[in-house]
């Protein structure tokens, strides 16, 4: 969802599309066919950010040439609500050894700084997801550590404060959940394989909110918290 709540961005046929909610038509904003992932909006709802194998980019919702914000290899990215901080789940190389860890860039085109208080994957696995809470005070990460898990990092401005805190028991989940914050800053919508759930990070509870034979994925909560956009499919 765009921050103004008026548009949706999504990937189809290796292109990024934007659809205004008062229209039945969606317009492509990228022309090349690439593997796009981890879409996010800029605060003014004028640009869409995305991750590719070459780094993190931004493109106008009207289309045009994408601008590179950070060079890769990056597996996930999230932009703070004020647009001043970019969180990156970034691959690092030491000879033939690869590790993945959390980095923060502020301003978003600056050289990122590594989060030194934890969250390092010695054998990088994907998928990974990052998302800032609506008030900007919490960053959530989901990934394999070593199995599916979710972690919260407290934020103060553009800086992370304190060690990560693990939330929810995801031991039975085969993959890290996709995530989207609710506007109350304490609840998230999670996608687990075939279902959508709401998780309360303070109470540590998970509640299933879908049922049926379809697979529900890619949850995105509207800015007002009244609606959830998602994809539904069946194999």
C-alpha atoms as a PDB file:
ATOM      1  CA  UNK A   1       0.000   0.000   0.000  1.00  0.00           C
ATOM      2  CA  UNK A   2       1.205   3.523  -0.681  1.00  0.00           C
ATOM      3  CA  UNK A   3       1.499   5.623   2.500  1.00  0.00           C
ATOM      4  CA  UNK A   4      -1.437   7.776   1.371  1.00  0.00           C
ATOM      5  CA  UNK A   5      -3.539   4.596   1.122  1.00  0.00           C
ATOM      6  CA  UNK A   6      -4.596   5.329  -2.460  1.00  0.00           C
ATOM      7  CA  UNK A   7      -2.474   2.882  -4.484  1.00  0.00           C
ATOM      8  CA  UNK A   8      -1.040  -0.623  -4.524  1.00  0.00           C
ATOM      9  CA  UNK A   9       2.296  -1.713  -5.997  1.00  0.00           C
ATOM     10  CA  UNK A  10       2.839  -5.300  -7.073  1.00  0.00           C
ATOM     11  CA  UNK A  11       4.977  -7.504  -9.304  1.00  0.00           C
ATOM     12  CA  UNK A  12       3.546  -9.260 -12.358  1.00  0.00           C
ATOM     13  CA  UNK A  13       5.380 -10.871 -15.275  1.00  0.00           C
ATOM     14  CA  UNK A  14       8.748  -9.589 -14.035  1.00  0.00           C
ATOM     15  CA  UNK A  15       7.587  -5.960 -13.980  1.00  0.00           C
ATOM     16  CA  UNK A  16       6.434  -3.607 -11.224  1.00  0.00           C
ATOM     17  CA  UNK A  17       2.890  -2.262 -11.570  1.00  0.00           C
ATOM     18  CA  UNK A  18       1.026   0.448  -9.652  1.00  0.00           C
ATOM     19  CA  UNK A  19      -2.740   0.459  -9.419  1.00  0.00           C
ATOM     20  CA  UNK A  20      -4.764   3.369  -8.088  1.00  0.00           C
ATOM     21  CA  UNK A  21      -7.645   2.071  -5.983  1.00  0.00           C
ATOM     22  CA  UNK A  22     -10.113   4.262  -7.869  1.00  0.00           C
ATOM     23  CA  UNK A  23      -9.186   2.514 -11.121  1.00  0.00           C
ATOM     24  CA  UNK A  24      -9.562  -1.001 -12.494  1.00  0.00           C
ATOM     25  CA  UNK A  25      -6.315  -0.706 -14.443  1.00  0.00           C
ATOM     26  CA  UNK A  26      -2.708  -1.065 -13.305  1.00  0.00           C
ATOM     27  CA  UNK A  27       0.186   0.669 -15.060  1.00  0.00           C
ATOM     28  CA  UNK A  28       3.711  -0.761 -15.388  1.00  0.00           C
ATOM     29  CA  UNK A  29       6.406   1.487 -13.919  1.00  0.00           C
ATOM     30  CA  UNK A  30       9.367  -0.620 -15.069  1.00  0.00           C
ATOM     31  CA  UNK A  31      10.050  -1.699 -18.634  1.00  0.00           C
ATOM     32  CA  UNK A  32      12.785  -4.330 -18.285  1.00  0.00           C
ATOM     33  CA  UNK A  33      12.060  -7.862 -17.157  1.00  0.00           C
ATOM     34  CA  UNK A  34      13.982  -8.433 -13.916  1.00  0.00           C
ATOM     35  CA  UNK A  35      13.565 -10.464 -10.764  1.00  0.00           C
ATOM     36  CA  UNK A  36      12.054  -7.840  -8.442  1.00  0.00           C
ATOM     37  CA  UNK A  37      11.512  -8.427  -4.772  1.00  0.00           C
ATOM     38  CA  UNK A  38      10.713  -6.688  -1.477  1.00  0.00           C
ATOM     39  CA  UNK A  39       8.762  -3.697  -2.740  1.00  0.00           C
ATOM     40  CA  UNK A  40       8.422  -0.646  -0.490  1.00  0.00           C
ATOM     41  CA  UNK A  41       7.037   2.867  -0.906  1.00  0.00           C
ATOM     42  CA  UNK A  42       8.686   6.198  -0.187  1.00  0.00           C
ATOM     43  CA  UNK A  43       6.843   8.429   2.322  1.00  0.00           C
ATOM     44  CA  UNK A  44       5.507  10.811  -0.345  1.00  0.00           C
ATOM     45  CA  UNK A  45       3.901   7.917  -2.259  1.00  0.00           C
ATOM     46  CA  UNK A  46       5.732   9.139  -5.390  1.00  0.00           C
ATOM     47  CA  UNK A  47       8.359   6.374  -5.665  1.00  0.00           C
ATOM     48  CA  UNK A  48       8.543   2.621  -5.224  1.00  0.00           C
ATOM     49  CA  UNK A  49      11.678   0.931  -3.894  1.00  0.00           C
ATOM     50  CA  UNK A  50      12.689  -2.611  -4.728  1.00  0.00           C
ATOM     51  CA  UNK A  51      15.497  -5.140  -4.386  1.00  0.00           C
ATOM     52  CA  UNK A  52      17.251  -6.973  -7.216  1.00  0.00           C
ATOM     53  CA  UNK A  53      20.450  -9.000  -7.381  1.00  0.00           C
ATOM     54  CA  UNK A  54      22.287  -5.751  -8.188  1.00  0.00           C
ATOM     55  CA  UNK A  55      21.156  -3.797  -5.128  1.00  0.00           C
ATOM     56  CA  UNK A  56      18.338  -1.547  -3.937  1.00  0.00           C
ATOM     57  CA  UNK A  57      16.621   0.772  -6.415  1.00  0.00           C
ATOM     58  CA  UNK A  58      13.822   3.355  -6.588  1.00  0.00           C
ATOM     59  CA  UNK A  59      11.537   4.187  -9.505  1.00  0.00           C
ATOM     60  CA  UNK A  60       8.907   6.874  -9.967  1.00  0.00           C
ATOM     61  CA  UNK A  61       5.325   5.667  -9.786  1.00  0.00           C
ATOM     62  CA  UNK A  62       4.954   7.349 -13.178  1.00  0.00           C
ATOM     63  CA  UNK A  63       7.693   5.125 -14.615  1.00  0.00           C
ATOM     64  CA  UNK A  64      11.141   5.899 -15.948  1.00  0.00           C
ATOM     65  CA  UNK A  65      14.675   4.765 -15.273  1.00  0.00           C
ATOM     66  CA  UNK A  66      15.252   3.292 -11.784  1.00  0.00           C
ATOM     67  CA  UNK A  67      17.809   4.977  -9.515  1.00  0.00           C
ATOM     68  CA  UNK A  68      20.254   2.797  -7.599  1.00  0.00           C
ATOM     69  CA  UNK A  69      20.204   3.585  -3.867  1.00  0.00           C
ATOM     70  CA  UNK A  70      22.511   0.860  -2.547  1.00  0.00           C
ATOM     71  CA  UNK A  71      24.677  -1.700  -4.285  1.00  0.00           C
ATOM     72  CA  UNK A  72      24.130  -5.405  -3.688  1.00  0.00           C
ATOM     73  CA  UNK A  73      24.168  -8.156  -2.845  1.00  0.00           C
ATOM     74  CA  UNK A  74      21.109  -7.432  -0.684  1.00  0.00           C
ATOM     75  CA  UNK A  75      18.409  -9.965   0.207  1.00  0.00           C
ATOM     76  CA  UNK A  76      15.901  -7.618   1.864  1.00  0.00           C
ATOM     77  CA  UNK A  77      15.386  -3.905   2.465  1.00  0.00           C
ATOM     78  CA  UNK A  78      12.978  -1.661   4.372  1.00  0.00           C
ATOM     79  CA  UNK A  79      12.596   2.125   4.468  1.00  0.00           C
ATOM     80  CA  UNK A  80      11.789   4.002   7.669  1.00  0.00           C
ATOM     81  CA  UNK A  81       8.561   5.998   7.860  1.00  0.00           C
ATOM     82  CA  UNK A  82      10.395   9.320   7.555  1.00  0.00           C
ATOM     83  CA  UNK A  83      12.405   8.075   4.585  1.00  0.00           C
ATOM     84  CA  UNK A  84      15.724   8.782   6.315  1.00  0.00           C
ATOM     85  CA  UNK A  85      16.916   5.262   7.161  1.00  0.00           C
ATOM     86  CA  UNK A  86      17.259   2.193   4.969  1.00  0.00           C
ATOM     87  CA  UNK A  87      17.574  -1.207   6.649  1.00  0.00           C
ATOM     88  CA  UNK A  88      19.396  -3.856   4.632  1.00  0.00           C
ATOM     89  CA  UNK A  89      19.826  -7.603   5.020  1.00  0.00           C
ATOM     90  CA  UNK A  90      23.159  -7.727   3.269  1.00  0.00           C
ATOM     91  CA  UNK A  91      25.559 -10.458   2.141  1.00  0.00           C
ATOM     92  CA  UNK A  92      29.234 -10.026   3.089  1.00  0.00           C
ATOM     93  CA  UNK A  93      32.188 -11.934   1.653  1.00  0.00           C
ATOM     94  CA  UNK A  94      35.416 -13.041   3.332  1.00  0.00           C
ATOM     95  CA  UNK A  95      37.168 -14.991   0.628  1.00  0.00           C
ATOM     96  CA  UNK A  96      34.829 -17.846  -0.231  1.00  0.00           C
ATOM     97  CA  UNK A  97      32.929 -17.478   3.066  1.00  0.00           C
ATOM     98  CA  UNK A  98      29.550 -15.732   2.960  1.00  0.00           C
ATOM     99  CA  UNK A  99      27.613 -14.283   5.867  1.00  0.00           C
ATOM    100  CA  UNK A 100      24.446 -12.192   6.040  1.00  0.00           C
ATOM    101  CA  UNK A 101      23.691  -9.493   8.598  1.00  0.00           C
ATOM    102  CA  UNK A 102      21.708  -6.342   9.276  1.00  0.00           C
ATOM    103  CA  UNK A 103      23.028  -2.973   8.072  1.00  0.00           C
ATOM    104  CA  UNK A 104      21.550   0.538   8.392  1.00  0.00           C
ATOM    105  CA  UNK A 105      22.099   3.458   6.001  1.00  0.00           C
ATOM    106  CA  UNK A 106      21.157   7.030   6.965  1.00  0.00           C
ATOM    107  CA  UNK A 107      20.709   8.936   4.725  1.00  0.00           C
ATOM    108  CA  UNK A 108      19.618   6.107   2.499  1.00  0.00           C
ATOM    109  CA  UNK A 109      22.380   6.568  -0.096  1.00  0.00           C
ATOM    110  CA  UNK A 110      25.155   6.713   2.528  1.00  0.00           C
ATOM    111  CA  UNK A 111      27.535   3.861   3.232  1.00  0.00           C
ATOM    112  CA  UNK A 112      25.609   1.453   5.500  1.00  0.00           C
ATOM    113  CA  UNK A 113      26.790   0.633   9.012  1.00  0.00           C
ATOM    114  CA  UNK A 114      26.602  -2.879  10.401  1.00  0.00           C
ATOM    115  CA  UNK A 115      24.311  -3.653  13.325  1.00  0.00           C
ATOM    116  CA  UNK A 116      26.795  -5.149  15.767  1.00  0.00           C
ATOM    117  CA  UNK A 117      24.450  -6.526  18.435  1.00  0.00           C
ATOM    118  CA  UNK A 118      23.474  -9.799  16.783  1.00  0.00           C
ATOM    119  CA  UNK A 119      21.484 -11.148  13.843  1.00  0.00           C
ATOM    120  CA  UNK A 120      24.221 -12.739  11.754  1.00  0.00           C
ATOM    121  CA  UNK A 121      23.569 -15.753   9.517  1.00  0.00           C
ATOM    122  CA  UNK A 122      26.757 -17.770   9.119  1.00  0.00           C
ATOM    123  CA  UNK A 123      25.180 -19.716   6.236  1.00  0.00           C
ATOM    124  CA  UNK A 124      22.922 -17.189   4.480  1.00  0.00           C
ATOM    125  CA  UNK A 125      19.509 -18.547   3.606  1.00  0.00           C
ATOM    126  CA  UNK A 126      16.512 -16.830   2.082  1.00  0.00           C
ATOM    127  CA  UNK A 127      13.810 -15.590   2.165  1.00  0.00           C
ATOM    128  CA  UNK A 128      14.388 -12.751   4.623  1.00  0.00           C
ATOM    129  CA  UNK A 129      12.051  -9.872   5.417  1.00  0.00           C
ATOM    130  CA  UNK A 130      12.472  -6.466   7.089  1.00  0.00           C
ATOM    131  CA  UNK A 131       9.757  -3.975   8.040  1.00  0.00           C
ATOM    132  CA  UNK A 132       9.704  -0.782  10.124  1.00  0.00           C
ATOM    133  CA  UNK A 133       6.760  -0.257  12.461  1.00  0.00           C
ATOM    134  CA  UNK A 134       4.481   2.702  11.590  1.00  0.00           C
ATOM    135  CA  UNK A 135       5.926   4.814  14.425  1.00  0.00           C
ATOM    136  CA  UNK A 136       9.485   4.002  13.323  1.00  0.00           C
ATOM    137  CA  UNK A 137      10.473   2.740  16.770  1.00  0.00           C
ATOM    138  CA  UNK A 138      10.743  -0.966  15.913  1.00  0.00           C
ATOM    139  CA  UNK A 139      12.308  -2.905  13.063  1.00  0.00           C
ATOM    140  CA  UNK A 140      11.199  -6.490  12.547  1.00  0.00           C
ATOM    141  CA  UNK A 141      13.306  -9.157  10.829  1.00  0.00           C
ATOM    142  CA  UNK A 142      12.253 -12.653   9.824  1.00  0.00           C
ATOM    143  CA  UNK A 143      14.611 -15.289   8.473  1.00  0.00           C
ATOM    144  CA  UNK A 144      16.350 -18.572   9.232  1.00  0.00           C
ATOM    145  CA  UNK A 145      18.320 -18.537  12.521  1.00  0.00           C
ATOM    146  CA  UNK A 146      18.797 -21.462  11.951  1.00  0.00           C
ATOM    147  CA  UNK A 147      15.088 -22.215  11.505  1.00  0.00           C
ATOM    148  CA  UNK A 148      12.218 -19.811  10.826  1.00  0.00           C
ATOM    149  CA  UNK A 149      12.232 -17.038  13.432  1.00  0.00           C
ATOM    150  CA  UNK A 150      11.215 -13.413  14.018  1.00  0.00           C
ATOM    151  CA  UNK A 151      13.205 -10.722  15.823  1.00  0.00           C
ATOM    152  CA  UNK A 152      12.446  -7.159  16.946  1.00  0.00           C
ATOM    153  CA  UNK A 153      15.075  -4.395  17.080  1.00  0.00           C
ATOM    154  CA  UNK A 154      14.354  -1.144  18.937  1.00  0.00           C
ATOM    155  CA  UNK A 155      15.091   2.012  16.959  1.00  0.00           C
ATOM    156  CA  UNK A 156      15.851   5.544  18.113  1.00  0.00           C
ATOM    157  CA  UNK A 157      15.886   7.819  15.106  1.00  0.00           C
ATOM    158  CA  UNK A 158      18.216   6.213  12.597  1.00  0.00           C
ATOM    159  CA  UNK A 159      20.077   4.131  15.185  1.00  0.00           C
ATOM    160  CA  UNK A 160      19.317   0.664  16.512  1.00  0.00           C
ATOM    161  CA  UNK A 161      19.399   0.398  20.302  1.00  0.00           C
ATOM    162  CA  UNK A 162      19.860  -2.779  22.269  1.00  0.00           C
ATOM    163  CA  UNK A 163      20.063  -6.427  21.231  1.00  0.00           C
ATOM    164  CA  UNK A 164      17.366  -8.108  19.122  1.00  0.00           C
ATOM    165  CA  UNK A 165      14.408  -9.747  20.885  1.00  0.00           C
ATOM    166  CA  UNK A 166      12.886 -12.928  19.510  1.00  0.00           C
ATOM    167  CA  UNK A 167       9.082 -13.083  19.349  1.00  0.00           C
ATOM    168  CA  UNK A 168       6.655 -15.955  18.716  1.00  0.00           C
ATOM    169  CA  UNK A 169       7.390 -19.653  18.575  1.00  0.00           C
ATOM    170  CA  UNK A 170       7.798 -20.401  14.882  1.00  0.00           C
ATOM    171  CA  UNK A 171       9.447 -23.794  15.363  1.00  0.00           C
ATOM    172  CA  UNK A 172       6.731 -25.534  13.336  1.00  0.00           C
ATOM    173  CA  UNK A 173       6.949 -23.096  10.426  1.00  0.00           C
ATOM    174  CA  UNK A 174       8.882 -24.337   7.397  1.00  0.00           C
ATOM    175  CA  UNK A 175       9.832 -20.842   6.207  1.00  0.00           C
ATOM    176  CA  UNK A 176      10.061 -17.328   7.644  1.00  0.00           C
ATOM    177  CA  UNK A 177       6.733 -15.490   7.447  1.00  0.00           C
ATOM    178  CA  UNK A 178       6.066 -12.512   5.236  1.00  0.00           C
ATOM    179  CA  UNK A 179       5.041  -9.586   7.418  1.00  0.00           C
ATOM    180  CA  UNK A 180       3.113  -6.313   7.484  1.00  0.00           C
ATOM    181  CA  UNK A 181       2.592  -4.064  10.509  1.00  0.00           C
ATOM    182  CA  UNK A 182      -0.791  -2.964  11.815  1.00  0.00           C
ATOM    183  CA  UNK A 183      -1.063   0.763  12.690  1.00  0.00           C
ATOM    184  CA  UNK A 184      -1.154   0.013  16.445  1.00  0.00           C
ATOM    185  CA  UNK A 185       2.628  -0.738  16.343  1.00  0.00           C
ATOM    186  CA  UNK A 186       2.179  -3.957  18.347  1.00  0.00           C
ATOM    187  CA  UNK A 187       0.430  -6.267  15.887  1.00  0.00           C
ATOM    188  CA  UNK A 188       1.605  -7.769  12.604  1.00  0.00           C
ATOM    189  CA  UNK A 189      -0.032  -9.756   9.842  1.00  0.00           C
ATOM    190  CA  UNK A 190       2.036 -12.846   9.011  1.00  0.00           C
ATOM    191  CA  UNK A 191       1.783 -15.257   6.086  1.00  0.00           C
ATOM    192  CA  UNK A 192       2.424 -18.879   6.993  1.00  0.00           C
ATOM    193  CA  UNK A 193       2.473 -21.133   3.938  1.00  0.00           C
ATOM    194  CA  UNK A 194      -1.284 -21.230   3.267  1.00  0.00           C
ATOM    195  CA  UNK A 195      -2.783 -18.935   5.928  1.00  0.00           C
ATOM    196  CA  UNK A 196      -2.667 -15.374   7.249  1.00  0.00           C
ATOM    197  CA  UNK A 197      -2.239 -14.758  10.956  1.00  0.00           C
ATOM    198  CA  UNK A 198      -2.228 -11.747  13.285  1.00  0.00           C
ATOM    199  CA  UNK A 199       0.537 -11.721  15.871  1.00  0.00           C
ATOM    200  CA  UNK A 200       0.647  -9.547  19.002  1.00  0.00           C
ATOM    201  CA  UNK A 201       4.315  -8.869  19.782  1.00  0.00           C
ATOM    202  CA  UNK A 202       3.550  -7.803  23.365  1.00  0.00           C
ATOM    203  CA  UNK A 203       1.362 -10.768  24.292  1.00  0.00           C
ATOM    204  CA  UNK A 204       3.249 -13.219  22.069  1.00  0.00           C
ATOM    205  CA  UNK A 205       0.008 -14.630  20.661  1.00  0.00           C
ATOM    206  CA  UNK A 206      -0.808 -15.742  17.097  1.00  0.00           C
ATOM    207  CA  UNK A 207      -4.370 -15.830  15.721  1.00  0.00           C
ATOM    208  CA  UNK A 208      -5.298 -17.308  12.336  1.00  0.00           C
ATOM    209  CA  UNK A 209      -7.533 -15.018  10.271  1.00  0.00           C
ATOM    210  CA  UNK A 210      -8.055 -17.018   7.040  1.00  0.00           C
ATOM    211  CA  UNK A 211      -9.435 -20.432   6.157  1.00  0.00           C
ATOM    212  CA  UNK A 212     -10.002 -22.374   2.983  1.00  0.00           C
ATOM    213  CA  UNK A 213      -8.161 -24.318   0.304  1.00  0.00           C
ATOM    214  CA  UNK A 214      -6.242 -21.432  -1.246  1.00  0.00           C
ATOM    215  CA  UNK A 215      -2.756 -20.265  -0.301  1.00  0.00           C
ATOM    216  CA  UNK A 216      -2.689 -16.736   1.098  1.00  0.00           C
ATOM    217  CA  UNK A 217       0.592 -14.820   0.702  1.00  0.00           C
ATOM    218  CA  UNK A 218       2.112 -11.333   0.445  1.00  0.00           C
ATOM    219  CA  UNK A 219       0.050  -9.558   3.122  1.00  0.00           C
ATOM    220  CA  UNK A 220      -0.016  -5.750   3.089  1.00  0.00           C
ATOM    221  CA  UNK A 221      -2.026  -3.838   5.690  1.00  0.00           C
ATOM    222  CA  UNK A 222      -3.594  -0.544   4.600  1.00  0.00           C
ATOM    223  CA  UNK A 223      -2.300   2.544   6.445  1.00  0.00           C
ATOM    224  CA  UNK A 224      -5.617   2.915   8.310  1.00  0.00           C
ATOM    225  CA  UNK A 225      -5.576  -0.769   9.356  1.00  0.00           C
ATOM    226  CA  UNK A 226      -9.025  -1.436   7.906  1.00  0.00           C
ATOM    227  CA  UNK A 227      -8.016  -3.661   4.993  1.00  0.00           C
ATOM    228  CA  UNK A 228      -5.409  -6.250   4.041  1.00  0.00           C
ATOM    229  CA  UNK A 229      -4.252  -6.759   0.471  1.00  0.00           C
ATOM    230  CA  UNK A 230      -2.865 -10.220  -0.280  1.00  0.00           C
ATOM    231  CA  UNK A 231      -2.387 -12.764  -3.021  1.00  0.00           C
ATOM    232  CA  UNK A 232      -4.379 -15.979  -3.155  1.00  0.00           C
ATOM    233  CA  UNK A 233      -3.465 -18.980  -5.266  1.00  0.00           C
ATOM    234  CA  UNK A 234      -3.979 -22.681  -5.612  1.00  0.00           C
ATOM    235  CA  UNK A 235      -1.674 -25.454  -6.812  1.00  0.00           C
END
